[in-house]
N, C-alpha and C. Protein backbone atom coordinates (compact mmCIF):
# COMPACT_ATOMS: atom_id res chain seq x y z
N MET A 1 116.14 58.21 58.39
CA MET A 1 116.85 59.32 59.01
C MET A 1 115.89 60.08 59.91
N GLY A 2 116.40 60.67 60.99
CA GLY A 2 115.55 61.37 61.93
C GLY A 2 115.00 62.66 61.36
N SER A 3 114.22 63.34 62.19
CA SER A 3 113.60 64.58 61.75
C SER A 3 114.66 65.65 61.52
N SER A 4 114.32 66.60 60.66
CA SER A 4 115.28 67.62 60.27
C SER A 4 115.33 68.75 61.30
N TYR A 5 116.52 69.32 61.45
CA TYR A 5 116.67 70.54 62.25
C TYR A 5 116.36 71.78 61.41
N TYR A 6 116.27 71.59 60.10
CA TYR A 6 116.01 72.70 59.18
C TYR A 6 117.04 73.81 59.35
N GLN A 7 118.30 73.41 59.36
CA GLN A 7 119.42 74.34 59.39
C GLN A 7 120.42 73.91 58.33
N PHE A 8 121.05 74.90 57.69
CA PHE A 8 122.08 74.57 56.71
C PHE A 8 123.41 74.22 57.37
N CYS A 9 123.52 74.47 58.67
CA CYS A 9 124.76 74.19 59.40
C CYS A 9 125.15 72.72 59.21
N PRO A 10 126.41 72.43 58.83
CA PRO A 10 126.81 71.04 58.61
C PRO A 10 126.73 70.19 59.87
N VAL A 11 126.92 70.80 61.06
CA VAL A 11 126.75 70.03 62.29
C VAL A 11 125.31 69.54 62.40
N ALA A 12 124.35 70.43 62.11
CA ALA A 12 122.94 70.05 62.16
C ALA A 12 122.64 68.95 61.16
N LYS A 13 123.18 69.06 59.96
CA LYS A 13 122.90 68.06 58.94
C LYS A 13 123.50 66.70 59.33
N ALA A 14 124.70 66.72 59.89
CA ALA A 14 125.31 65.46 60.31
C ALA A 14 124.51 64.82 61.45
N MET A 15 124.04 65.64 62.38
CA MET A 15 123.34 65.09 63.53
C MET A 15 121.94 64.60 63.18
N GLU A 16 121.39 65.04 62.07
CA GLU A 16 120.11 64.49 61.64
C GLU A 16 120.22 62.98 61.43
N LEU A 17 121.41 62.53 61.07
CA LEU A 17 121.64 61.09 60.93
C LEU A 17 122.19 60.48 62.21
N LEU A 18 123.18 61.13 62.80
CA LEU A 18 123.98 60.48 63.84
C LEU A 18 123.39 60.56 65.23
N ASP A 19 122.43 61.48 65.48
CA ASP A 19 121.96 61.58 66.87
C ASP A 19 120.75 60.71 67.16
N GLU A 20 120.34 59.88 66.20
CA GLU A 20 119.29 58.91 66.52
C GLU A 20 119.86 57.87 67.49
N ARG A 21 119.02 57.42 68.40
CA ARG A 21 119.47 56.48 69.44
C ARG A 21 120.15 55.27 68.83
N TRP A 22 121.34 54.93 69.35
CA TRP A 22 122.15 53.77 68.99
C TRP A 22 123.00 53.97 67.73
N THR A 23 122.66 54.95 66.88
CA THR A 23 123.34 55.03 65.58
C THR A 23 124.84 55.18 65.72
N LEU A 24 125.28 56.10 66.56
CA LEU A 24 126.72 56.33 66.66
C LEU A 24 127.42 55.16 67.35
N LEU A 25 126.71 54.42 68.20
CA LEU A 25 127.32 53.24 68.81
C LEU A 25 127.51 52.13 67.78
N ILE A 26 126.60 52.05 66.82
CA ILE A 26 126.80 51.09 65.73
C ILE A 26 128.01 51.51 64.90
N VAL A 27 128.14 52.80 64.63
CA VAL A 27 129.33 53.29 63.92
C VAL A 27 130.59 52.96 64.71
N ARG A 28 130.53 53.11 66.04
CA ARG A 28 131.66 52.74 66.89
C ARG A 28 132.07 51.29 66.66
N GLU A 29 131.09 50.39 66.59
CA GLU A 29 131.39 48.98 66.37
C GLU A 29 131.98 48.76 64.98
N LEU A 30 131.43 49.41 63.98
CA LEU A 30 131.96 49.27 62.62
C LEU A 30 133.39 49.81 62.53
N VAL A 31 133.66 50.88 63.23
CA VAL A 31 135.01 51.47 63.24
C VAL A 31 136.02 50.48 63.83
N THR A 32 135.59 49.69 64.81
CA THR A 32 136.51 48.72 65.43
C THR A 32 136.73 47.50 64.55
N GLY A 33 136.00 47.41 63.43
CA GLY A 33 136.20 46.30 62.52
C GLY A 33 135.13 45.23 62.57
N THR A 34 134.12 45.40 63.41
CA THR A 34 133.02 44.44 63.47
C THR A 34 132.19 44.56 62.20
N GLU A 35 131.87 43.43 61.57
CA GLU A 35 131.20 43.47 60.27
C GLU A 35 129.91 42.64 60.20
N HIS A 36 129.78 41.63 61.03
CA HIS A 36 128.65 40.72 60.92
C HIS A 36 127.55 41.09 61.91
N PHE A 37 126.31 40.86 61.51
CA PHE A 37 125.15 41.28 62.29
C PHE A 37 125.20 40.75 63.72
N ASN A 38 125.43 39.45 63.88
CA ASN A 38 125.42 38.87 65.22
C ASN A 38 126.55 39.41 66.10
N GLU A 39 127.67 39.75 65.48
CA GLU A 39 128.76 40.35 66.25
C GLU A 39 128.43 41.79 66.61
N LEU A 40 127.77 42.51 65.70
CA LEU A 40 127.33 43.86 66.02
C LEU A 40 126.36 43.83 67.20
N ARG A 41 125.49 42.83 67.24
CA ARG A 41 124.56 42.70 68.35
C ARG A 41 125.30 42.56 69.68
N ARG A 42 126.42 41.88 69.68
CA ARG A 42 127.16 41.67 70.93
C ARG A 42 127.84 42.96 71.38
N GLY A 43 128.08 43.87 70.45
CA GLY A 43 128.66 45.16 70.81
C GLY A 43 127.62 46.15 71.33
N VAL A 44 126.35 45.90 71.00
CA VAL A 44 125.24 46.73 71.52
C VAL A 44 124.19 45.77 72.09
N PRO A 45 124.52 45.07 73.19
CA PRO A 45 123.70 43.95 73.64
C PRO A 45 122.29 44.32 74.10
N ARG A 46 122.05 45.57 74.41
CA ARG A 46 120.72 45.95 74.88
C ARG A 46 119.85 46.53 73.75
N MET A 47 120.34 46.45 72.54
CA MET A 47 119.60 46.94 71.38
C MET A 47 118.85 45.78 70.75
N SER A 48 117.60 45.99 70.37
CA SER A 48 116.83 44.91 69.76
C SER A 48 117.35 44.61 68.35
N PRO A 49 117.29 43.36 67.91
CA PRO A 49 117.73 43.02 66.56
C PRO A 49 116.96 43.79 65.49
N THR A 50 115.68 44.03 65.73
CA THR A 50 114.87 44.76 64.75
C THR A 50 115.38 46.18 64.58
N LEU A 51 115.68 46.84 65.70
CA LEU A 51 116.16 48.22 65.61
C LEU A 51 117.56 48.26 65.02
N LEU A 52 118.40 47.29 65.35
CA LEU A 52 119.74 47.23 64.77
C LEU A 52 119.65 47.11 63.25
N SER A 53 118.79 46.25 62.79
CA SER A 53 118.60 46.08 61.34
C SER A 53 118.15 47.39 60.70
N LYS A 54 117.22 48.08 61.37
CA LYS A 54 116.72 49.35 60.83
C LYS A 54 117.83 50.39 60.76
N ARG A 55 118.63 50.50 61.81
CA ARG A 55 119.70 51.49 61.84
C ARG A 55 120.77 51.16 60.79
N LEU A 56 121.07 49.89 60.61
CA LEU A 56 122.04 49.52 59.58
C LEU A 56 121.53 49.90 58.19
N GLN A 57 120.25 49.69 57.94
CA GLN A 57 119.68 50.08 56.66
C GLN A 57 119.79 51.59 56.45
N GLN A 58 119.58 52.36 57.53
CA GLN A 58 119.71 53.81 57.42
C GLN A 58 121.14 54.22 57.11
N LEU A 59 122.10 53.55 57.74
CA LEU A 59 123.50 53.86 57.47
C LEU A 59 123.89 53.50 56.05
N VAL A 60 123.33 52.42 55.53
CA VAL A 60 123.59 52.04 54.14
C VAL A 60 123.00 53.06 53.19
N ARG A 61 121.76 53.47 53.45
CA ARG A 61 121.11 54.46 52.57
C ARG A 61 121.85 55.79 52.62
N ALA A 62 122.41 56.12 53.78
CA ALA A 62 123.11 57.40 53.92
C ALA A 62 124.52 57.36 53.34
N GLY A 63 124.98 56.18 52.90
CA GLY A 63 126.32 56.09 52.33
C GLY A 63 127.42 55.98 53.35
N ILE A 64 127.05 55.64 54.61
CA ILE A 64 128.05 55.49 55.67
C ILE A 64 128.62 54.08 55.68
N ALA A 65 127.77 53.10 55.36
CA ALA A 65 128.18 51.70 55.35
C ALA A 65 127.69 51.05 54.06
N GLU A 66 128.31 49.93 53.74
CA GLU A 66 127.92 49.16 52.56
C GLU A 66 127.59 47.74 52.99
N ARG A 67 126.49 47.22 52.48
CA ARG A 67 126.09 45.84 52.77
C ARG A 67 126.62 44.93 51.67
N ARG A 68 127.43 43.96 52.06
CA ARG A 68 128.04 43.04 51.10
C ARG A 68 127.60 41.61 51.39
N SER A 69 127.06 40.95 50.38
CA SER A 69 126.65 39.56 50.51
C SER A 69 127.71 38.67 49.86
N GLU A 70 128.18 37.69 50.62
CA GLU A 70 129.18 36.75 50.12
C GLU A 70 128.69 35.35 50.45
N GLY A 71 128.00 34.72 49.50
CA GLY A 71 127.37 33.44 49.77
C GLY A 71 126.26 33.62 50.78
N HIS A 72 126.33 32.88 51.88
CA HIS A 72 125.34 33.01 52.95
C HIS A 72 125.74 34.05 53.99
N GLN A 73 126.90 34.66 53.81
CA GLN A 73 127.40 35.64 54.77
C GLN A 73 127.08 37.06 54.31
N VAL A 74 126.66 37.89 55.26
CA VAL A 74 126.43 39.31 54.99
C VAL A 74 127.36 40.12 55.87
N ARG A 75 128.05 41.05 55.25
CA ARG A 75 128.98 41.91 55.98
C ARG A 75 128.56 43.36 55.81
N TYR A 76 128.80 44.15 56.85
CA TYR A 76 128.59 45.59 56.78
C TYR A 76 129.95 46.26 56.95
N VAL A 77 130.37 46.99 55.95
CA VAL A 77 131.69 47.63 55.98
C VAL A 77 131.53 49.12 55.76
N LEU A 78 132.41 49.87 56.37
CA LEU A 78 132.36 51.32 56.23
C LEU A 78 132.78 51.75 54.83
N THR A 79 132.12 52.75 54.32
CA THR A 79 132.52 53.41 53.08
C THR A 79 133.57 54.46 53.43
N PRO A 80 134.15 55.13 52.44
CA PRO A 80 135.07 56.24 52.77
C PRO A 80 134.42 57.28 53.68
N ALA A 81 133.14 57.57 53.46
CA ALA A 81 132.45 58.52 54.34
C ALA A 81 132.38 57.98 55.76
N GLY A 82 132.15 56.66 55.89
CA GLY A 82 132.10 56.06 57.21
C GLY A 82 133.44 56.08 57.91
N HIS A 83 134.50 55.80 57.16
CA HIS A 83 135.84 55.81 57.76
C HIS A 83 136.20 57.20 58.28
N GLU A 84 135.67 58.25 57.67
CA GLU A 84 135.97 59.60 58.14
C GLU A 84 135.34 59.88 59.49
N LEU A 85 134.44 59.00 59.95
CA LEU A 85 133.85 59.17 61.28
C LEU A 85 134.75 58.62 62.39
N ARG A 86 135.82 57.90 62.02
CA ARG A 86 136.70 57.35 63.05
C ARG A 86 137.22 58.43 64.01
N PRO A 87 137.79 59.55 63.52
CA PRO A 87 138.26 60.55 64.48
C PRO A 87 137.14 61.18 65.30
N VAL A 88 135.92 61.19 64.75
CA VAL A 88 134.78 61.70 65.52
C VAL A 88 134.51 60.77 66.70
N VAL A 89 134.46 59.47 66.42
CA VAL A 89 134.24 58.49 67.49
C VAL A 89 135.36 58.55 68.52
N GLU A 90 136.59 58.65 68.06
CA GLU A 90 137.73 58.70 68.97
C GLU A 90 137.70 59.96 69.82
N ALA A 91 137.32 61.09 69.22
CA ALA A 91 137.26 62.34 69.98
C ALA A 91 136.16 62.29 71.03
N LEU A 92 135.01 61.71 70.69
CA LEU A 92 133.94 61.56 71.67
C LEU A 92 134.36 60.64 72.81
N SER A 93 135.12 59.60 72.47
CA SER A 93 135.61 58.68 73.48
C SER A 93 136.53 59.40 74.47
N VAL A 94 137.44 60.20 73.94
CA VAL A 94 138.36 60.95 74.80
C VAL A 94 137.60 61.95 75.66
N TRP A 95 136.67 62.66 75.05
CA TRP A 95 135.90 63.66 75.82
C TRP A 95 135.07 62.98 76.90
N GLY A 96 134.43 61.86 76.55
CA GLY A 96 133.58 61.18 77.50
C GLY A 96 134.33 60.64 78.69
N ILE A 97 135.52 60.06 78.45
CA ILE A 97 136.28 59.50 79.56
C ILE A 97 136.88 60.60 80.42
N ARG A 98 137.16 61.75 79.81
CA ARG A 98 137.77 62.85 80.56
C ARG A 98 136.75 63.59 81.42
N TRP A 99 135.53 63.73 80.90
CA TRP A 99 134.59 64.63 81.55
C TRP A 99 133.34 63.96 82.13
N ILE A 100 133.02 62.75 81.69
CA ILE A 100 131.84 62.07 82.23
C ILE A 100 132.33 60.89 83.04
N GLY A 101 132.58 61.12 84.30
CA GLY A 101 133.22 60.10 85.12
C GLY A 101 132.28 59.20 85.88
N GLU A 102 131.08 59.64 86.15
CA GLU A 102 130.18 58.90 87.01
C GLU A 102 129.47 57.78 86.25
N LEU A 103 129.50 56.58 86.80
CA LEU A 103 128.83 55.44 86.19
C LEU A 103 127.76 54.93 87.13
N GLY A 104 126.53 54.81 86.63
CA GLY A 104 125.47 54.21 87.41
C GLY A 104 125.55 52.70 87.31
N ASP A 105 124.87 52.01 88.21
CA ASP A 105 124.90 50.55 88.18
C ASP A 105 124.37 50.01 86.85
N ALA A 106 123.39 50.70 86.28
CA ALA A 106 122.81 50.24 85.01
C ALA A 106 123.79 50.36 83.85
N ASP A 107 124.86 51.15 84.02
CA ASP A 107 125.87 51.30 82.96
C ASP A 107 126.83 50.13 82.90
N LEU A 108 126.82 49.29 83.93
CA LEU A 108 127.79 48.22 84.05
C LEU A 108 127.22 46.95 83.42
N ASP A 109 127.71 46.61 82.25
CA ASP A 109 127.16 45.50 81.48
C ASP A 109 128.25 44.45 81.25
N PRO A 110 128.14 43.26 81.87
CA PRO A 110 129.19 42.27 81.68
C PRO A 110 129.30 41.78 80.24
N LYS A 111 128.19 41.77 79.50
CA LYS A 111 128.24 41.33 78.10
C LYS A 111 129.15 42.25 77.29
N LEU A 112 128.96 43.56 77.46
CA LEU A 112 129.76 44.51 76.70
C LEU A 112 131.22 44.47 77.16
N LEU A 113 131.45 44.36 78.47
CA LEU A 113 132.82 44.31 78.97
C LEU A 113 133.56 43.11 78.40
N MET A 114 132.95 41.94 78.46
CA MET A 114 133.61 40.73 77.97
C MET A 114 133.85 40.79 76.46
N TRP A 115 132.87 41.35 75.74
CA TRP A 115 133.03 41.46 74.29
C TRP A 115 134.18 42.40 73.95
N ASP A 116 134.28 43.50 74.68
CA ASP A 116 135.36 44.45 74.41
C ASP A 116 136.71 43.85 74.79
N MET A 117 136.75 43.15 75.91
CA MET A 117 138.02 42.55 76.34
C MET A 117 138.48 41.46 75.36
N HIS A 118 137.54 40.72 74.79
CA HIS A 118 137.94 39.60 73.93
C HIS A 118 138.61 40.08 72.65
N ARG A 119 138.30 41.33 72.23
CA ARG A 119 138.91 41.80 71.00
C ARG A 119 140.16 42.65 71.24
N ARG A 120 140.60 42.72 72.49
CA ARG A 120 141.81 43.47 72.81
C ARG A 120 142.79 42.58 73.58
N ILE A 121 142.87 41.33 73.14
CA ILE A 121 143.80 40.37 73.74
C ILE A 121 145.12 40.42 72.97
N ASP A 122 146.22 40.43 73.70
CA ASP A 122 147.54 40.39 73.08
C ASP A 122 147.94 38.92 72.91
N HIS A 123 147.64 38.38 71.75
CA HIS A 123 147.88 36.96 71.51
C HIS A 123 149.37 36.61 71.54
N ASP A 124 150.23 37.60 71.40
CA ASP A 124 151.66 37.32 71.40
C ASP A 124 152.17 36.96 72.80
N VAL A 125 151.46 37.35 73.84
CA VAL A 125 151.95 37.09 75.20
C VAL A 125 151.11 36.06 75.96
N VAL A 126 149.93 35.73 75.43
CA VAL A 126 149.13 34.67 76.05
C VAL A 126 149.84 33.34 75.83
N PRO A 127 149.82 32.43 76.80
CA PRO A 127 150.50 31.14 76.63
C PRO A 127 150.03 30.39 75.38
N ALA A 128 150.91 29.60 74.82
CA ALA A 128 150.58 28.83 73.63
C ALA A 128 149.49 27.81 73.95
N GLY A 129 148.79 27.40 72.92
CA GLY A 129 147.71 26.45 73.11
C GLY A 129 146.42 27.18 73.46
N ARG A 130 145.57 26.52 74.20
CA ARG A 130 144.29 27.12 74.59
C ARG A 130 144.37 27.64 76.02
N THR A 131 144.03 28.90 76.19
CA THR A 131 143.99 29.53 77.49
C THR A 131 142.54 29.90 77.82
N VAL A 132 142.08 29.49 78.98
CA VAL A 132 140.70 29.78 79.40
C VAL A 132 140.74 30.67 80.65
N VAL A 133 140.21 31.87 80.51
CA VAL A 133 140.13 32.80 81.63
C VAL A 133 138.68 32.86 82.09
N ARG A 134 138.46 32.48 83.32
CA ARG A 134 137.11 32.50 83.90
C ARG A 134 136.97 33.76 84.75
N PHE A 135 135.89 34.49 84.53
CA PHE A 135 135.60 35.69 85.31
C PHE A 135 134.39 35.41 86.20
N VAL A 136 134.50 35.82 87.45
CA VAL A 136 133.39 35.70 88.40
C VAL A 136 133.14 37.09 88.97
N PHE A 137 131.96 37.63 88.71
CA PHE A 137 131.61 38.98 89.16
C PHE A 137 130.71 38.89 90.39
N SER A 138 131.20 39.42 91.49
CA SER A 138 130.52 39.26 92.77
C SER A 138 129.24 40.09 92.90
N ASP A 139 129.09 41.12 92.08
CA ASP A 139 127.95 42.02 92.22
C ASP A 139 126.94 41.85 91.08
N VAL A 140 126.99 40.73 90.40
CA VAL A 140 126.08 40.46 89.28
C VAL A 140 125.19 39.28 89.66
N ALA A 141 123.96 39.30 89.17
CA ALA A 141 123.02 38.22 89.47
C ALA A 141 123.62 36.87 89.12
N ALA A 142 123.21 35.84 89.87
CA ALA A 142 123.82 34.52 89.76
C ALA A 142 123.77 33.96 88.35
N ASN A 143 122.72 34.32 87.58
CA ASN A 143 122.60 33.76 86.23
C ASN A 143 123.46 34.48 85.20
N ALA A 144 124.20 35.50 85.62
CA ALA A 144 125.03 36.26 84.67
C ALA A 144 126.39 36.63 85.23
N CYS A 145 126.81 35.97 86.31
CA CYS A 145 128.05 36.39 86.97
C CYS A 145 129.27 35.59 86.52
N HIS A 146 129.07 34.52 85.75
CA HIS A 146 130.19 33.68 85.31
C HIS A 146 130.39 33.85 83.80
N TRP A 147 131.63 34.14 83.42
CA TRP A 147 131.98 34.33 82.01
C TRP A 147 133.32 33.67 81.74
N TRP A 148 133.49 33.22 80.51
CA TRP A 148 134.74 32.57 80.10
C TRP A 148 135.25 33.20 78.82
N LEU A 149 136.55 33.48 78.79
CA LEU A 149 137.23 33.85 77.55
C LEU A 149 138.09 32.66 77.15
N VAL A 150 137.83 32.12 75.97
CA VAL A 150 138.60 31.00 75.45
C VAL A 150 139.54 31.54 74.37
N ILE A 151 140.83 31.50 74.65
CA ILE A 151 141.83 32.17 73.81
C ILE A 151 142.72 31.12 73.16
N THR A 152 142.86 31.22 71.84
CA THR A 152 143.82 30.40 71.11
C THR A 152 144.79 31.33 70.39
N ALA A 153 145.66 30.77 69.59
CA ALA A 153 146.71 31.56 68.96
C ALA A 153 146.17 32.67 68.08
N ALA A 154 145.05 32.42 67.40
CA ALA A 154 144.58 33.39 66.41
C ALA A 154 143.27 34.07 66.78
N GLU A 155 142.55 33.55 67.76
CA GLU A 155 141.23 34.10 68.03
C GLU A 155 140.86 33.93 69.49
N ALA A 156 139.73 34.52 69.84
CA ALA A 156 139.19 34.38 71.19
C ALA A 156 137.68 34.34 71.10
N ASP A 157 137.07 33.66 72.05
CA ASP A 157 135.62 33.56 72.07
C ASP A 157 135.12 33.89 73.46
N VAL A 158 133.91 34.44 73.53
CA VAL A 158 133.28 34.79 74.80
C VAL A 158 132.16 33.79 75.05
N CYS A 159 132.13 33.22 76.26
CA CYS A 159 131.10 32.25 76.61
C CYS A 159 130.42 32.67 77.91
N ASP A 160 129.10 32.59 77.94
CA ASP A 160 128.38 32.84 79.18
C ASP A 160 127.87 31.55 79.81
N VAL A 161 128.24 30.42 79.21
CA VAL A 161 128.03 29.11 79.82
C VAL A 161 129.37 28.38 79.77
N ASP A 162 129.58 27.47 80.69
CA ASP A 162 130.85 26.77 80.79
C ASP A 162 131.16 26.03 79.48
N PRO A 163 132.26 26.38 78.81
CA PRO A 163 132.58 25.73 77.54
C PRO A 163 133.12 24.31 77.71
N GLY A 164 133.40 23.92 78.96
CA GLY A 164 133.84 22.56 79.22
C GLY A 164 135.34 22.34 79.16
N PHE A 165 136.11 23.41 79.01
CA PHE A 165 137.57 23.29 78.97
C PHE A 165 138.15 23.53 80.35
N ASP A 166 139.35 23.02 80.59
CA ASP A 166 140.04 23.30 81.84
C ASP A 166 140.31 24.79 81.95
N VAL A 167 140.07 25.34 83.13
CA VAL A 167 140.28 26.76 83.36
C VAL A 167 141.74 27.02 83.68
N THR A 168 142.33 27.99 82.99
CA THR A 168 143.73 28.34 83.21
C THR A 168 143.87 29.22 84.44
N VAL A 169 143.09 30.30 84.49
CA VAL A 169 143.06 31.19 85.66
C VAL A 169 141.63 31.66 85.87
N THR A 170 141.32 32.01 87.11
CA THR A 170 140.02 32.58 87.45
C THR A 170 140.23 33.98 88.01
N VAL A 171 139.52 34.94 87.45
CA VAL A 171 139.58 36.33 87.91
C VAL A 171 138.28 36.63 88.65
N SER A 172 138.40 37.00 89.92
CA SER A 172 137.24 37.32 90.74
C SER A 172 137.27 38.79 91.12
N ALA A 173 136.17 39.48 90.89
CA ALA A 173 136.10 40.91 91.17
C ALA A 173 134.65 41.34 91.10
N SER A 174 134.37 42.54 91.56
CA SER A 174 133.07 43.12 91.26
C SER A 174 133.11 43.59 89.81
N LEU A 175 131.95 43.62 89.17
CA LEU A 175 131.89 44.12 87.80
C LEU A 175 132.35 45.57 87.75
N ARG A 176 131.98 46.34 88.75
CA ARG A 176 132.37 47.75 88.77
C ARG A 176 133.88 47.89 88.77
N HIS A 177 134.58 47.13 89.60
CA HIS A 177 136.04 47.24 89.63
C HIS A 177 136.65 46.81 88.31
N MET A 178 136.07 45.78 87.67
CA MET A 178 136.64 45.34 86.40
C MET A 178 136.41 46.38 85.31
N VAL A 179 135.25 47.02 85.32
CA VAL A 179 134.99 48.09 84.37
C VAL A 179 135.94 49.26 84.63
N GLU A 180 136.18 49.58 85.89
CA GLU A 180 137.10 50.68 86.22
C GLU A 180 138.51 50.39 85.71
N ILE A 181 138.94 49.14 85.82
CA ILE A 181 140.25 48.77 85.27
C ILE A 181 140.24 48.97 83.76
N TRP A 182 139.19 48.52 83.10
CA TRP A 182 139.13 48.58 81.65
C TRP A 182 139.08 50.03 81.16
N ARG A 183 138.44 50.90 81.92
CA ARG A 183 138.36 52.32 81.55
C ARG A 183 139.63 53.09 81.91
N GLY A 184 140.51 52.50 82.69
CA GLY A 184 141.70 53.20 83.12
C GLY A 184 141.52 54.00 84.39
N ASP A 185 140.39 53.81 85.08
CA ASP A 185 140.16 54.51 86.34
C ASP A 185 140.88 53.83 87.51
N LEU A 186 141.21 52.56 87.35
CA LEU A 186 141.85 51.78 88.40
C LEU A 186 142.93 50.93 87.76
N GLU A 187 144.13 50.95 88.32
CA GLU A 187 145.23 50.17 87.76
C GLU A 187 145.14 48.72 88.21
N TRP A 188 145.51 47.82 87.29
CA TRP A 188 145.53 46.40 87.64
C TRP A 188 146.32 46.16 88.93
N THR A 189 147.52 46.73 89.01
CA THR A 189 148.39 46.45 90.16
C THR A 189 147.73 46.91 91.46
N ALA A 190 147.10 48.09 91.44
CA ALA A 190 146.44 48.60 92.64
C ALA A 190 145.25 47.72 93.01
N ALA A 191 144.50 47.27 92.01
CA ALA A 191 143.33 46.43 92.27
C ALA A 191 143.75 45.09 92.87
N LEU A 192 144.84 44.51 92.36
CA LEU A 192 145.32 43.24 92.89
C LEU A 192 145.89 43.41 94.29
N ARG A 193 146.61 44.49 94.51
CA ARG A 193 147.22 44.72 95.82
C ARG A 193 146.16 44.94 96.90
N SER A 194 145.08 45.64 96.54
CA SER A 194 144.04 45.95 97.52
C SER A 194 143.07 44.79 97.74
N GLY A 195 143.11 43.81 96.84
CA GLY A 195 142.15 42.72 96.94
C GLY A 195 140.86 42.97 96.19
N ALA A 196 140.76 44.11 95.50
CA ALA A 196 139.57 44.39 94.71
C ALA A 196 139.42 43.37 93.58
N VAL A 197 140.56 42.86 93.12
CA VAL A 197 140.59 41.80 92.12
C VAL A 197 141.48 40.69 92.64
N ALA A 198 141.02 39.45 92.50
CA ALA A 198 141.82 38.29 92.89
C ALA A 198 141.94 37.36 91.69
N VAL A 199 143.12 36.80 91.51
CA VAL A 199 143.36 35.87 90.41
C VAL A 199 143.84 34.55 91.01
N GLN A 200 143.14 33.48 90.64
CA GLN A 200 143.52 32.15 91.10
C GLN A 200 144.11 31.36 89.92
N GLY A 201 145.21 30.66 90.20
CA GLY A 201 145.87 29.86 89.18
C GLY A 201 147.34 29.76 89.50
N PRO A 202 148.14 29.10 88.66
CA PRO A 202 149.59 29.03 88.88
C PRO A 202 150.18 30.43 88.99
N GLU A 203 151.15 30.59 89.87
CA GLU A 203 151.68 31.92 90.17
C GLU A 203 152.16 32.67 88.94
N THR A 204 152.91 31.99 88.06
CA THR A 204 153.43 32.69 86.88
C THR A 204 152.30 33.20 86.00
N LEU A 205 151.22 32.46 85.92
CA LEU A 205 150.09 32.89 85.10
C LEU A 205 149.31 34.00 85.79
N ARG A 206 149.15 33.89 87.10
CA ARG A 206 148.45 34.95 87.84
C ARG A 206 149.11 36.30 87.60
N ARG A 207 150.42 36.31 87.66
CA ARG A 207 151.15 37.57 87.49
C ARG A 207 151.04 38.09 86.06
N ALA A 208 150.85 37.19 85.11
CA ALA A 208 150.87 37.58 83.69
C ALA A 208 149.52 38.08 83.18
N VAL A 209 148.44 37.78 83.88
CA VAL A 209 147.10 38.09 83.36
C VAL A 209 146.94 39.52 82.88
N PRO A 210 147.34 40.55 83.63
CA PRO A 210 147.14 41.93 83.14
C PRO A 210 147.79 42.18 81.78
N ASP A 211 148.90 41.50 81.51
CA ASP A 211 149.60 41.71 80.23
C ASP A 211 148.89 41.05 79.06
N TRP A 212 147.93 40.18 79.34
CA TRP A 212 147.22 39.50 78.25
C TRP A 212 146.21 40.41 77.56
N PHE A 213 145.89 41.53 78.21
CA PHE A 213 144.87 42.42 77.68
C PHE A 213 145.45 43.81 77.43
N THR A 214 145.12 44.36 76.27
CA THR A 214 145.54 45.71 75.91
C THR A 214 144.37 46.66 76.19
N LEU A 215 144.55 47.57 77.11
CA LEU A 215 143.46 48.47 77.45
C LEU A 215 143.08 49.35 76.26
N PRO A 216 141.82 49.77 76.19
CA PRO A 216 141.40 50.66 75.10
C PRO A 216 142.21 51.96 75.11
N PRO A 217 142.34 52.62 73.97
CA PRO A 217 143.12 53.86 73.92
C PRO A 217 142.66 54.92 74.92
N PHE A 218 141.34 55.00 75.16
CA PHE A 218 140.84 56.05 76.05
C PHE A 218 141.28 55.83 77.50
N ALA A 219 141.72 54.62 77.85
CA ALA A 219 142.10 54.33 79.24
C ALA A 219 143.28 55.18 79.70
N SER A 220 144.12 55.62 78.76
CA SER A 220 145.31 56.39 79.13
C SER A 220 145.06 57.90 79.11
N VAL A 221 143.84 58.33 78.83
CA VAL A 221 143.55 59.76 78.75
C VAL A 221 143.62 60.38 80.15
N PRO A 222 144.38 61.46 80.33
CA PRO A 222 144.45 62.11 81.64
C PRO A 222 143.07 62.62 82.06
N ARG A 223 142.77 62.51 83.35
CA ARG A 223 141.47 62.96 83.87
C ARG A 223 141.67 64.19 84.74
N PRO A 224 140.76 65.15 84.66
CA PRO A 224 140.82 66.30 85.59
C PRO A 224 140.37 65.83 86.98
N ALA A 225 140.60 66.65 87.94
CA ALA A 225 140.18 66.31 89.31
C ALA A 225 138.68 66.48 89.49
N TYR A 226 138.03 67.02 88.49
CA TYR A 226 136.59 67.24 88.54
C TYR A 226 136.03 66.97 87.15
N GLY A 227 134.76 66.68 87.09
CA GLY A 227 134.11 66.47 85.81
C GLY A 227 132.94 67.41 85.68
N LEU A 228 132.12 67.19 84.69
CA LEU A 228 130.91 67.98 84.54
C LEU A 228 129.96 67.66 85.67
N PRO A 229 129.21 68.62 86.18
CA PRO A 229 128.24 68.34 87.24
C PRO A 229 127.19 67.36 86.74
N GLN A 230 126.85 66.39 87.60
CA GLN A 230 125.86 65.39 87.23
C GLN A 230 124.46 65.86 87.64
N GLY A 231 123.51 65.73 86.72
CA GLY A 231 122.15 66.18 86.99
C GLY A 231 121.39 65.18 87.81
């Protein structure tokens, strides 16, 4: 746990645990249902495995999460205290999308975008069988601009190398525009109409692509015409 604020205030005591770098983002991943170490790493792709392990141990010691071993599998699950952080994470998400609007180029991470999109697929409307959505990001380095979502009836996988399956549709866009769509800053229909996003494939599938993904809850949060001043 981090250094103490030496205040009896419950906000201070809570932040002694939660304001350490990455800690609340790990809680965010646990709140979404991610339980395994390697999957947690994909939700915080710029965090070192060593630091992730350390932060998880701190959350376990603090009674926020529980480490469960099942054979060779290890899971991290929220305790009742951890589950009570869900509205905190949700409130921060709403506040952040409403008031912190500016994104720097370094904030745009294709790994995180693809990981978040893969867990918000509406399997009920994706075509039966295997559906492969290829993403090509025009503003990302050549070694990281191609991504594939492989979707089946019950699950989806994210690939940063060609999985070797026939591609159903290809989505071409800048990473920034795709992030803006995912955050709710830009509507799919407007992006397609303007050419900011292009979808290649059979016409019926091209039209259906936006419906395959359920935007995060914060995407629908109303935004003011102004945000906090950026330093």
